[in-house]
């Protein structure tokens, strides 16, 4: 399980214990984090779970797949070097203490 902090665009933060194997998108939607829409249900087809990951997560996450990179070209908010799709990040103990910041818009 990983304790992940979600910071919404307005500065509201919430800590969520994310079960191993769950995506950060699943955990956000299940816990009422409004800054992640996840319209495609996690199939990496909509880019509405765009987030910015912190340095801890950047250091432990595998590189994004070609499909994720293609979808990141379609994000509504600014794409940054630390932009990722929350549906593609699976929780594990290595992510414990990580933070994701959510953009101002997903659409």
PDB file of N, CA and C in Angstrom:
ATOM      1  N   UNK A   1       0.849  -1.176   0.000  1.00  0.00           N
ATOM      2  CA  UNK A   1       0.000   0.000   0.000  1.00  0.00           C
ATOM      3  C   UNK A   1       0.892   1.236   0.000  1.00  0.00           C
ATOM      4  N   UNK A   2       0.431   2.257  -0.692  1.00  0.00           N
ATOM      5  CA  UNK A   2       1.179   3.502  -0.760  1.00  0.00           C
ATOM      6  C   UNK A   2       0.302   4.651  -0.283  1.00  0.00           C
ATOM      7  N   UNK A   3       0.852   5.494   0.551  1.00  0.00           N
ATOM      8  CA  UNK A   3       0.171   6.706   0.978  1.00  0.00           C
ATOM      9  C   UNK A   3       0.552   7.798  -0.018  1.00  0.00           C
ATOM     10  N   UNK A   4      -0.420   8.266  -0.795  1.00  0.00           N
ATOM     11  CA  UNK A   4      -0.189   9.255  -1.844  1.00  0.00           C
ATOM     12  C   UNK A   4      -0.940  10.530  -1.483  1.00  0.00           C
ATOM     13  N   UNK A   5      -0.281  11.662  -1.666  1.00  0.00           N
ATOM     14  CA  UNK A   5      -0.926  12.954  -1.464  1.00  0.00           C
ATOM     15  C   UNK A   5      -1.320  13.515  -2.824  1.00  0.00           C
ATOM     16  N   UNK A   6      -2.584  13.877  -2.940  1.00  0.00           N
ATOM     17  CA  UNK A   6      -3.120  14.517  -4.143  1.00  0.00           C
ATOM     18  C   UNK A   6      -3.317  15.996  -3.810  1.00  0.00           C
ATOM     19  N   UNK A   7      -2.785  16.872  -4.640  1.00  0.00           N
ATOM     20  CA  UNK A   7      -2.970  18.306  -4.456  1.00  0.00           C
ATOM     21  C   UNK A   7      -3.744  18.830  -5.655  1.00  0.00           C
ATOM     22  N   UNK A   8      -4.958  19.310  -5.382  1.00  0.00           N
ATOM     23  CA  UNK A   8      -5.792  19.839  -6.459  1.00  0.00           C
ATOM     24  C   UNK A   8      -5.312  21.235  -6.845  1.00  0.00           C
ATOM     25  N   UNK A   9      -5.760  21.729  -7.982  1.00  0.00           N
ATOM     26  CA  UNK A   9      -5.312  23.011  -8.521  1.00  0.00           C
ATOM     27  C   UNK A   9      -5.558  24.165  -7.552  1.00  0.00           C
ATOM     28  N   UNK A  10      -6.592  24.066  -6.722  1.00  0.00           N
ATOM     29  CA  UNK A  10      -6.893  25.145  -5.770  1.00  0.00           C
ATOM     30  C   UNK A  10      -6.089  25.034  -4.480  1.00  0.00           C
ATOM     31  N   UNK A  11      -5.190  24.035  -4.398  1.00  0.00           N
ATOM     32  CA  UNK A  11      -4.347  23.854  -3.224  1.00  0.00           C
ATOM     33  C   UNK A  11      -4.887  22.871  -2.208  1.00  0.00           C
ATOM     34  N   UNK A  12      -6.125  22.427  -2.368  1.00  0.00           N
ATOM     35  CA  UNK A  12      -6.701  21.426  -1.474  1.00  0.00           C
ATOM     36  C   UNK A  12      -5.895  20.141  -1.595  1.00  0.00           C
ATOM     37  N   UNK A  13      -5.545  19.558  -0.463  1.00  0.00           N
ATOM     38  CA  UNK A  13      -4.787  18.309  -0.525  1.00  0.00           C
ATOM     39  C   UNK A  13      -5.511  17.207   0.235  1.00  0.00           C
ATOM     40  N   UNK A  14      -5.271  15.996  -0.201  1.00  0.00           N
ATOM     41  CA  UNK A  14      -5.859  14.818   0.443  1.00  0.00           C
ATOM     42  C   UNK A  14      -4.848  13.684   0.376  1.00  0.00           C
ATOM     43  N   UNK A  15      -4.711  12.986   1.485  1.00  0.00           N
ATOM     44  CA  UNK A  15      -3.859  11.799   1.506  1.00  0.00           C
ATOM     45  C   UNK A  15      -4.743  10.577   1.360  1.00  0.00           C
ATOM     46  N   UNK A  16      -4.314   9.682   0.487  1.00  0.00           N
ATOM     47  CA  UNK A  16      -5.086   8.479   0.204  1.00  0.00           C
ATOM     48  C   UNK A  16      -4.163   7.270   0.323  1.00  0.00           C
ATOM     49  N   UNK A  17      -4.609   6.262   1.041  1.00  0.00           N
ATOM     50  CA  UNK A  17      -3.888   4.989   1.074  1.00  0.00           C
ATOM     51  C   UNK A  17      -4.346   4.188  -0.136  1.00  0.00           C
ATOM     52  N   UNK A  18      -3.427   3.960  -1.052  1.00  0.00           N
ATOM     53  CA  UNK A  18      -3.752   3.318  -2.316  1.00  0.00           C
ATOM     54  C   UNK A  18      -3.297   1.861  -2.261  1.00  0.00           C
ATOM     55  N   UNK A  19      -4.223   0.921  -2.394  1.00  0.00           N
ATOM     56  CA  UNK A  19      -3.847  -0.493  -2.359  1.00  0.00           C
ATOM     57  C   UNK A  19      -2.886  -0.851  -3.500  1.00  0.00           C
ATOM     58  N   UNK A  20      -1.982  -1.753  -3.224  1.00  0.00           N
ATOM     59  CA  UNK A  20      -1.060  -2.230  -4.258  1.00  0.00           C
ATOM     60  C   UNK A  20      -1.837  -2.691  -5.478  1.00  0.00           C
ATOM     61  N   UNK A  21      -1.359  -2.276  -6.642  1.00  0.00           N
ATOM     62  CA  UNK A  21      -1.973  -2.692  -7.891  1.00  0.00           C
ATOM     63  C   UNK A  21      -3.047  -1.751  -8.403  1.00  0.00           C
ATOM     64  N   UNK A  22      -3.595  -0.916  -7.533  1.00  0.00           N
ATOM     65  CA  UNK A  22      -4.571   0.082  -7.977  1.00  0.00           C
ATOM     66  C   UNK A  22      -3.829   1.190  -8.700  1.00  0.00           C
ATOM     67  N   UNK A  23      -4.477   1.771  -9.698  1.00  0.00           N
ATOM     68  CA  UNK A  23      -3.883   2.942 -10.335  1.00  0.00           C
ATOM     69  C   UNK A  23      -4.168   4.170  -9.472  1.00  0.00           C
ATOM     70  N   UNK A  24      -3.333   5.183  -9.639  1.00  0.00           N
ATOM     71  CA  UNK A  24      -3.568   6.423  -8.902  1.00  0.00           C
ATOM     72  C   UNK A  24      -4.876   7.073  -9.353  1.00  0.00           C
ATOM     73  N   UNK A  25      -5.299   6.816 -10.584  1.00  0.00           N
ATOM     74  CA  UNK A  25      -6.590   7.310 -11.058  1.00  0.00           C
ATOM     75  C   UNK A  25      -7.736   6.620 -10.316  1.00  0.00           C
ATOM     76  N   UNK A  26      -7.672   5.295 -10.188  1.00  0.00           N
ATOM     77  CA  UNK A  26      -8.716   4.549  -9.472  1.00  0.00           C
ATOM     78  C   UNK A  26      -8.856   5.054  -8.043  1.00  0.00           C
ATOM     79  N   UNK A  27      -7.730   5.240  -7.386  1.00  0.00           N
ATOM     80  CA  UNK A  27      -7.759   5.695  -5.997  1.00  0.00           C
ATOM     81  C   UNK A  27      -8.349   7.095  -5.898  1.00  0.00           C
ATOM     82  N   UNK A  28      -8.006   7.968  -6.842  1.00  0.00           N
ATOM     83  CA  UNK A  28      -8.534   9.334  -6.815  1.00  0.00           C
ATOM     84  C   UNK A  28     -10.041   9.341  -7.007  1.00  0.00           C
ATOM     85  N   UNK A  29     -10.521   8.629  -7.998  1.00  0.00           N
ATOM     86  CA  UNK A  29     -11.965   8.642  -8.258  1.00  0.00           C
ATOM     87  C   UNK A  29     -12.739   7.952  -7.132  1.00  0.00           C
ATOM     88  N   UNK A  30     -12.170   6.903  -6.559  1.00  0.00           N
ATOM     89  CA  UNK A  30     -12.838   6.193  -5.459  1.00  0.00           C
ATOM     90  C   UNK A  30     -12.882   7.026  -4.181  1.00  0.00           C
ATOM     91  N   UNK A  31     -12.003   8.017  -4.086  1.00  0.00           N
ATOM     92  CA  UNK A  31     -11.917   8.822  -2.870  1.00  0.00           C
ATOM     93  C   UNK A  31     -12.352  10.273  -3.069  1.00  0.00           C
ATOM     94  N   UNK A  32     -13.069  10.546  -4.148  1.00  0.00           N
ATOM     95  CA  UNK A  32     -13.647  11.861  -4.351  1.00  0.00           C
ATOM     96  C   UNK A  32     -12.680  12.970  -4.699  1.00  0.00           C
ATOM     97  N   UNK A  33     -11.534  12.622  -5.247  1.00  0.00           N
ATOM     98  CA  UNK A  33     -10.588  13.648  -5.706  1.00  0.00           C
ATOM     99  C   UNK A  33     -11.147  14.200  -7.015  1.00  0.00           C
ATOM    100  N   UNK A  34     -11.576  15.443  -7.000  1.00  0.00           N
ATOM    101  CA  UNK A  34     -12.299  15.995  -8.139  1.00  0.00           C
ATOM    102  C   UNK A  34     -11.421  16.375  -9.330  1.00  0.00           C
ATOM    103  N   UNK A  35     -10.137  16.537  -9.136  1.00  0.00           N
ATOM    104  CA  UNK A  35      -9.261  16.990 -10.214  1.00  0.00           C
ATOM    105  C   UNK A  35      -8.890  15.924 -11.223  1.00  0.00           C
ATOM    106  N   UNK A  36      -9.320  14.697 -11.008  1.00  0.00           N
ATOM    107  CA  UNK A  36      -9.073  13.602 -11.954  1.00  0.00           C
ATOM    108  C   UNK A  36     -10.426  13.082 -12.421  1.00  0.00           C
ATOM    109  N   UNK A  37     -10.625  13.098 -13.740  1.00  0.00           N
ATOM    110  CA  UNK A  37     -11.902  12.637 -14.291  1.00  0.00           C
ATOM    111  C   UNK A  37     -11.862  11.156 -14.655  1.00  0.00           C
ATOM    112  N   UNK A  38     -10.832  10.727 -15.362  1.00  0.00           N
ATOM    113  CA  UNK A  38     -10.737   9.324 -15.756  1.00  0.00           C
ATOM    114  C   UNK A  38     -11.878   8.878 -16.637  1.00  0.00           C
ATOM    115  N   UNK A  39     -12.210   9.680 -17.638  1.00  0.00           N
ATOM    116  CA  UNK A  39     -13.371   9.394 -18.490  1.00  0.00           C
ATOM    117  C   UNK A  39     -13.297   8.053 -19.219  1.00  0.00           C
ATOM    118  N   UNK A  40     -12.106   7.579 -19.535  1.00  0.00           N
ATOM    119  CA  UNK A  40     -11.997   6.316 -20.271  1.00  0.00           C
ATOM    120  C   UNK A  40     -11.923   5.112 -19.336  1.00  0.00           C
ATOM    121  N   UNK A  41     -11.988   5.358 -18.040  1.00  0.00           N
ATOM    122  CA  UNK A  41     -11.957   4.259 -17.084  1.00  0.00           C
ATOM    123  C   UNK A  41     -10.596   3.633 -16.871  1.00  0.00           C
ATOM    124  N   UNK A  42      -9.563   4.280 -17.342  1.00  0.00           N
ATOM    125  CA  UNK A  42      -8.212   3.789 -17.110  1.00  0.00           C
ATOM    126  C   UNK A  42      -7.589   3.049 -18.269  1.00  0.00           C
ATOM    127  N   UNK A  43      -8.146   3.189 -19.454  1.00  0.00           N
ATOM    128  CA  UNK A  43      -7.606   2.462 -20.608  1.00  0.00           C
ATOM    129  C   UNK A  43      -6.601   3.283 -21.414  1.00  0.00           C
ATOM    130  N   UNK A  44      -6.142   4.384 -20.857  1.00  0.00           N
ATOM    131  CA  UNK A  44      -5.128   5.231 -21.503  1.00  0.00           C
ATOM    132  C   UNK A  44      -5.620   5.725 -22.864  1.00  0.00           C
ATOM    133  N   UNK A  45      -6.855   6.236 -22.877  1.00  0.00           N
ATOM    134  CA  UNK A  45      -7.461   6.662 -24.140  1.00  0.00           C
ATOM    135  C   UNK A  45      -8.068   8.063 -24.091  1.00  0.00           C
ATOM    136  N   UNK A  46      -7.884   8.804 -22.972  1.00  0.00           N
ATOM    137  CA  UNK A  46      -8.552  10.110 -22.921  1.00  0.00           C
ATOM    138  C   UNK A  46      -7.701  11.240 -22.353  1.00  0.00           C
ATOM    139  N   UNK A  47      -6.711  10.965 -21.568  1.00  0.00           N
ATOM    140  CA  UNK A  47      -5.822  11.964 -20.952  1.00  0.00           C
ATOM    141  C   UNK A  47      -6.525  12.840 -19.915  1.00  0.00           C
ATOM    142  N   UNK A  48      -7.664  12.400 -19.363  1.00  0.00           N
ATOM    143  CA  UNK A  48      -8.352  13.188 -18.337  1.00  0.00           C
ATOM    144  C   UNK A  48      -7.939  12.798 -16.922  1.00  0.00           C
ATOM    145  N   UNK A  49      -6.819  12.123 -16.805  1.00  0.00           N
ATOM    146  CA  UNK A  49      -6.231  11.823 -15.494  1.00  0.00           C
ATOM    147  C   UNK A  49      -4.800  12.352 -15.434  1.00  0.00           C
ATOM    148  N   UNK A  50      -4.558  13.384 -16.219  1.00  0.00           N
ATOM    149  CA  UNK A  50      -3.242  14.031 -16.271  1.00  0.00           C
ATOM    150  C   UNK A  50      -2.866  14.537 -14.881  1.00  0.00           C
ATOM    151  N   UNK A  51      -1.631  14.319 -14.509  1.00  0.00           N
ATOM    152  CA  UNK A  51      -1.133  14.821 -13.233  1.00  0.00           C
ATOM    153  C   UNK A  51       0.348  15.131 -13.356  1.00  0.00           C
ATOM    154  N   UNK A  52       0.850  15.837 -12.356  1.00  0.00           N
ATOM    155  CA  UNK A  52       2.270  16.146 -12.270  1.00  0.00           C
ATOM    156  C   UNK A  52       2.815  15.389 -11.065  1.00  0.00           C
ATOM    157  N   UNK A  53       3.795  14.526 -11.284  1.00  0.00           N
ATOM    158  CA  UNK A  53       4.349  13.722 -10.200  1.00  0.00           C
ATOM    159  C   UNK A  53       5.560  14.417  -9.587  1.00  0.00           C
ATOM    160  N   UNK A  54       5.766  14.176  -8.303  1.00  0.00           N
ATOM    161  CA  UNK A  54       6.894  14.792  -7.607  1.00  0.00           C
ATOM    162  C   UNK A  54       8.196  14.038  -7.879  1.00  0.00           C
ATOM    163  N   UNK A  55       9.278  14.534  -7.315  1.00  0.00           N
ATOM    164  CA  UNK A  55      10.594  13.939  -7.524  1.00  0.00           C
ATOM    165  C   UNK A  55      10.699  12.502  -7.056  1.00  0.00           C
ATOM    166  N   UNK A  56      10.064  12.176  -5.930  1.00  0.00           N
ATOM    167  CA  UNK A  56      10.083  10.793  -5.435  1.00  0.00           C
ATOM    168  C   UNK A  56       9.490   9.861  -6.476  1.00  0.00           C
ATOM    169  N   UNK A  57       8.316  10.211  -6.973  1.00  0.00           N
ATOM    170  CA  UNK A  57       7.670   9.354  -7.963  1.00  0.00           C
ATOM    171  C   UNK A  57       8.475   9.310  -9.257  1.00  0.00           C
ATOM    172  N   UNK A  58       9.006  10.450  -9.674  1.00  0.00           N
ATOM    173  CA  UNK A  58       9.830  10.480 -10.895  1.00  0.00           C
ATOM    174  C   UNK A  58      11.001   9.507 -10.780  1.00  0.00           C
ATOM    175  N   UNK A  59      11.561   9.397  -9.578  1.00  0.00           N
ATOM    176  CA  UNK A  59      12.754   8.562  -9.404  1.00  0.00           C
ATOM    177  C   UNK A  59      12.453   7.068  -9.377  1.00  0.00           C
ATOM    178  N   UNK A  60      11.214   6.679  -9.070  1.00  0.00           N
ATOM    179  CA  UNK A  60      10.910   5.245  -8.954  1.00  0.00           C
ATOM    180  C   UNK A  60       9.997   4.708 -10.053  1.00  0.00           C
ATOM    181  N   UNK A  61       9.304   5.586 -10.753  1.00  0.00           N
ATOM    182  CA  UNK A  61       8.392   5.113 -11.797  1.00  0.00           C
ATOM    183  C   UNK A  61       9.146   4.697 -13.049  1.00  0.00           C
ATOM    184  N   UNK A  62       8.654   3.665 -13.727  1.00  0.00           N
ATOM    185  CA  UNK A  62       9.239   3.346 -15.038  1.00  0.00           C
ATOM    186  C   UNK A  62       8.891   4.459 -16.028  1.00  0.00           C
ATOM    187  N   UNK A  63       9.638   4.526 -17.084  1.00  0.00           N
ATOM    188  CA  UNK A  63       9.361   5.524 -18.123  1.00  0.00           C
ATOM    189  C   UNK A  63       7.968   5.286 -18.695  1.00  0.00           C
ATOM    190  N   UNK A  64       7.311   6.346 -19.137  1.00  0.00           N
ATOM    191  CA  UNK A  64       5.986   6.163 -19.737  1.00  0.00           C
ATOM    192  C   UNK A  64       6.072   5.343 -21.022  1.00  0.00           C
ATOM    193  N   UNK A  65       5.022   4.580 -21.281  1.00  0.00           N
ATOM    194  CA  UNK A  65       4.959   3.793 -22.515  1.00  0.00           C
ATOM    195  C   UNK A  65       4.749   4.721 -23.705  1.00  0.00           C
ATOM    196  N   UNK A  66       4.910   4.200 -24.891  1.00  0.00           N
ATOM    197  CA  UNK A  66       4.667   4.987 -26.106  1.00  0.00           C
ATOM    198  C   UNK A  66       3.212   5.447 -26.157  1.00  0.00           C
ATOM    199  N   UNK A  67       2.287   4.598 -25.727  1.00  0.00           N
ATOM    200  CA  UNK A  67       0.870   4.959 -25.717  1.00  0.00           C
ATOM    201  C   UNK A  67       0.616   6.116 -24.755  1.00  0.00           C
ATOM    202  N   UNK A  68       1.214   6.038 -23.563  1.00  0.00           N
ATOM    203  CA  UNK A  68       1.042   7.133 -22.606  1.00  0.00           C
ATOM    204  C   UNK A  68       1.625   8.426 -23.153  1.00  0.00           C
ATOM    205  N   UNK A  69       2.789   8.349 -23.760  1.00  0.00           N
ATOM    206  CA  UNK A  69       3.401   9.548 -24.344  1.00  0.00           C
ATOM    207  C   UNK A  69       2.508  10.151 -25.425  1.00  0.00           C
ATOM    208  N   UNK A  70       1.911   9.300 -26.242  1.00  0.00           N
ATOM    209  CA  UNK A  70       0.992   9.793 -27.274  1.00  0.00           C
ATOM    210  C   UNK A  70      -0.201  10.506 -26.636  1.00  0.00           C
ATOM    211  N   UNK A  71      -0.756   9.927 -25.567  1.00  0.00           N
ATOM    212  CA  UNK A  71      -1.911  10.542 -24.911  1.00  0.00           C
ATOM    213  C   UNK A  71      -1.521  11.847 -24.213  1.00  0.00           C
ATOM    214  N   UNK A  72      -0.311  11.928 -23.709  1.00  0.00           N
ATOM    215  CA  UNK A  72       0.139  13.161 -23.064  1.00  0.00           C
ATOM    216  C   UNK A  72       0.201  14.322 -24.053  1.00  0.00           C
ATOM    217  N   UNK A  73       0.280  14.010 -25.335  1.00  0.00           N
ATOM    218  CA  UNK A  73       0.232  15.066 -26.355  1.00  0.00           C
ATOM    219  C   UNK A  73      -1.143  15.722 -26.403  1.00  0.00           C
ATOM    220  N   UNK A  74      -2.146  15.102 -25.783  1.00  0.00           N
ATOM    221  CA  UNK A  74      -3.524  15.588 -25.848  1.00  0.00           C
ATOM    222  C   UNK A  74      -4.039  16.186 -24.543  1.00  0.00           C
ATOM    223  N   UNK A  75      -3.161  16.415 -23.587  1.00  0.00           N
ATOM    224  CA  UNK A  75      -3.642  16.950 -22.312  1.00  0.00           C
ATOM    225  C   UNK A  75      -4.149  18.377 -22.481  1.00  0.00           C
ATOM    226  N   UNK A  76      -5.142  18.738 -21.663  1.00  0.00           N
ATOM    227  CA  UNK A  76      -5.763  20.065 -21.756  1.00  0.00           C
ATOM    228  C   UNK A  76      -4.919  21.141 -21.075  1.00  0.00           C
ATOM    229  N   UNK A  77      -4.219  20.785 -20.021  1.00  0.00           N
ATOM    230  CA  UNK A  77      -3.377  21.729 -19.285  1.00  0.00           C
ATOM    231  C   UNK A  77      -1.932  21.617 -19.781  1.00  0.00           C
ATOM    232  N   UNK A  78      -1.106  22.494 -19.276  1.00  0.00           N
ATOM    233  CA  UNK A  78       0.302  22.500 -19.680  1.00  0.00           C
ATOM    234  C   UNK A  78       0.951  21.137 -19.457  1.00  0.00           C
ATOM    235  N   UNK A  79       1.635  20.658 -20.478  1.00  0.00           N
ATOM    236  CA  UNK A  79       2.417  19.425 -20.334  1.00  0.00           C
ATOM    237  C   UNK A  79       3.797  19.817 -19.831  1.00  0.00           C
ATOM    238  N   UNK A  80       4.238  19.128 -18.803  1.00  0.00           N
ATOM    239  CA  UNK A  80       5.541  19.392 -18.180  1.00  0.00           C
ATOM    240  C   UNK A  80       6.384  18.129 -18.229  1.00  0.00           C
ATOM    241  N   UNK A  81       7.685  18.261 -17.920  1.00  0.00           N
ATOM    242  CA  UNK A  81       8.541  17.059 -17.907  1.00  0.00           C
ATOM    243  C   UNK A  81       8.071  15.985 -16.920  1.00  0.00           C
ATOM    244  N   UNK A  82       7.356  16.393 -15.876  1.00  0.00           N
ATOM    245  CA  UNK A  82       6.864  15.439 -14.882  1.00  0.00           C
ATOM    246  C   UNK A  82       5.389  15.087 -15.077  1.00  0.00           C
ATOM    247  N   UNK A  83       4.849  15.373 -16.261  1.00  0.00           N
ATOM    248  CA  UNK A  83       3.459  15.005 -16.568  1.00  0.00           C
ATOM    249  C   UNK A  83       3.347  13.499 -16.764  1.00  0.00           C
ATOM    250  N   UNK A  84       2.320  12.939 -16.160  1.00  0.00           N
ATOM    251  CA  UNK A  84       2.008  11.520 -16.327  1.00  0.00           C
ATOM    252  C   UNK A  84       0.490  11.363 -16.331  1.00  0.00           C
ATOM    253  N   UNK A  85       0.047  10.187 -16.744  1.00  0.00           N
ATOM    254  CA  UNK A  85      -1.370   9.829 -16.660  1.00  0.00           C
ATOM    255  C   UNK A  85      -1.537   8.939 -15.439  1.00  0.00           C
ATOM    256  N   UNK A  86      -2.407   9.353 -14.524  1.00  0.00           N
ATOM    257  CA  UNK A  86      -2.584   8.625 -13.274  1.00  0.00           C
ATOM    258  C   UNK A  86      -3.100   7.211 -13.484  1.00  0.00           C
ATOM    259  N   UNK A  87      -3.766   6.959 -14.615  1.00  0.00           N
ATOM    260  CA  UNK A  87      -4.260   5.605 -14.886  1.00  0.00           C
ATOM    261  C   UNK A  87      -3.127   4.632 -15.178  1.00  0.00           C
ATOM    262  N   UNK A  88      -1.968   5.146 -15.499  1.00  0.00           N
ATOM    263  CA  UNK A  88      -0.839   4.294 -15.853  1.00  0.00           C
ATOM    264  C   UNK A  88       0.138   4.083 -14.706  1.00  0.00           C
ATOM    265  N   UNK A  89      -0.158   4.659 -13.558  1.00  0.00           N
ATOM    266  CA  UNK A  89       0.721   4.530 -12.392  1.00  0.00           C
ATOM    267  C   UNK A  89       0.071   3.585 -11.397  1.00  0.00           C
ATOM    268  N   UNK A  90       0.666   2.428 -11.223  1.00  0.00           N
ATOM    269  CA  UNK A  90       0.144   1.415 -10.304  1.00  0.00           C
ATOM    270  C   UNK A  90       0.836   1.545  -8.943  1.00  0.00           C
ATOM    271  N   UNK A  91       0.043   1.531  -7.901  1.00  0.00           N
ATOM    272  CA  UNK A  91       0.564   1.698  -6.550  1.00  0.00           C
ATOM    273  C   UNK A  91       1.395   0.503  -6.119  1.00  0.00           C
ATOM    274  N   UNK A  92       2.431   0.819  -5.363  1.00  0.00           N
ATOM    275  CA  UNK A  92       3.270  -0.180  -4.706  1.00  0.00           C
ATOM    276  C   UNK A  92       3.958   0.527  -3.536  1.00  0.00           C
ATOM    277  N   UNK A  93       4.585  -0.231  -2.680  1.00  0.00           N
ATOM    278  CA  UNK A  93       5.263   0.352  -1.521  1.00  0.00           C
ATOM    279  C   UNK A  93       6.317   1.374  -1.937  1.00  0.00           C
ATOM    280  N   UNK A  94       6.907   1.210  -3.112  1.00  0.00           N
ATOM    281  CA  UNK A  94       7.938   2.140  -3.588  1.00  0.00           C
ATOM    282  C   UNK A  94       7.396   3.553  -3.787  1.00  0.00           C
ATOM    283  N   UNK A  95       6.082   3.695  -3.965  1.00  0.00           N
ATOM    284  CA  UNK A  95       5.476   5.004  -4.201  1.00  0.00           C
ATOM    285  C   UNK A  95       5.056   5.693  -2.907  1.00  0.00           C
ATOM    286  N   UNK A  96       5.185   5.013  -1.772  1.00  0.00           N
ATOM    287  CA  UNK A  96       4.733   5.546  -0.500  1.00  0.00           C
ATOM    288  C   UNK A  96       5.357   6.906  -0.214  1.00  0.00           C
ATOM    289  N   UNK A  97       4.504   7.876   0.107  1.00  0.00           N
ATOM    290  CA  UNK A  97       4.965   9.225   0.412  1.00  0.00           C
ATOM    291  C   UNK A  97       5.009  10.146  -0.791  1.00  0.00           C
ATOM    292  N   UNK A  98       4.631   9.640  -1.950  1.00  0.00           N
ATOM    293  CA  UNK A  98       4.644  10.443  -3.169  1.00  0.00           C
ATOM    294  C   UNK A  98       3.504  11.442  -3.213  1.00  0.00           C
ATOM    295  N   UNK A  99       3.691  12.435  -4.067  1.00  0.00           N
ATOM    296  CA  UNK A  99       2.695  13.490  -4.243  1.00  0.00           C
ATOM    297  C   UNK A  99       2.409  13.687  -5.718  1.00  0.00           C
ATOM    298  N   UNK A 100       1.140  13.837  -6.033  1.00  0.00           N
ATOM    299  CA  UNK A 100       0.737  14.212  -7.386  1.00  0.00           C
ATOM    300  C   UNK A 100      -0.038  15.515  -7.303  1.00  0.00           C
ATOM    301  N   UNK A 101       0.316  16.410  -8.196  1.00  0.00           N
ATOM    302  CA  UNK A 101      -0.391  17.687  -8.291  1.00  0.00           C
ATOM    303  C   UNK A 101      -1.293  17.621  -9.515  1.00  0.00           C
ATOM    304  N   UNK A 102      -2.487  18.148  -9.375  1.00  0.00           N
ATOM    305  CA  UNK A 102      -3.458  18.076 -10.451  1.00  0.00           C
ATOM    306  C   UNK A 102      -3.544  19.414 -11.177  1.00  0.00           C
ATOM    307  N   UNK A 103      -3.684  19.365 -12.500  1.00  0.00           N
ATOM    308  CA  UNK A 103      -3.750  20.615 -13.271  1.00  0.00           C
ATOM    309  C   UNK A 103      -5.087  21.328 -13.073  1.00  0.00           C
ATOM    310  N   UNK A 104      -5.156  22.557 -13.579  1.00  0.00           N
ATOM    311  CA  UNK A 104      -6.372  23.355 -13.433  1.00  0.00           C
ATOM    312  C   UNK A 104      -7.539  22.786 -14.206  1.00  0.00           C
ATOM    313  N   UNK A 105      -7.253  22.078 -15.292  1.00  0.00           N
ATOM    314  CA  UNK A 105      -8.330  21.515 -16.097  1.00  0.00           C
ATOM    315  C   UNK A 105      -7.908  20.177 -16.692  1.00  0.00           C
ATOM    316  N   UNK A 106      -8.891  19.328 -16.938  1.00  0.00           N
ATOM    317  CA  UNK A 106      -8.664  18.057 -17.612  1.00  0.00           C
ATOM    318  C   UNK A 106      -9.354  18.044 -18.966  1.00  0.00           C
ATOM    319  N   UNK A 107     -10.168  19.053 -19.243  1.00  0.00           N
ATOM    320  CA  UNK A 107     -10.913  19.079 -20.509  1.00  0.00           C
ATOM    321  C   UNK A 107     -10.631  20.358 -21.251  1.00  0.00           C
TER     322      UNK A 107
END
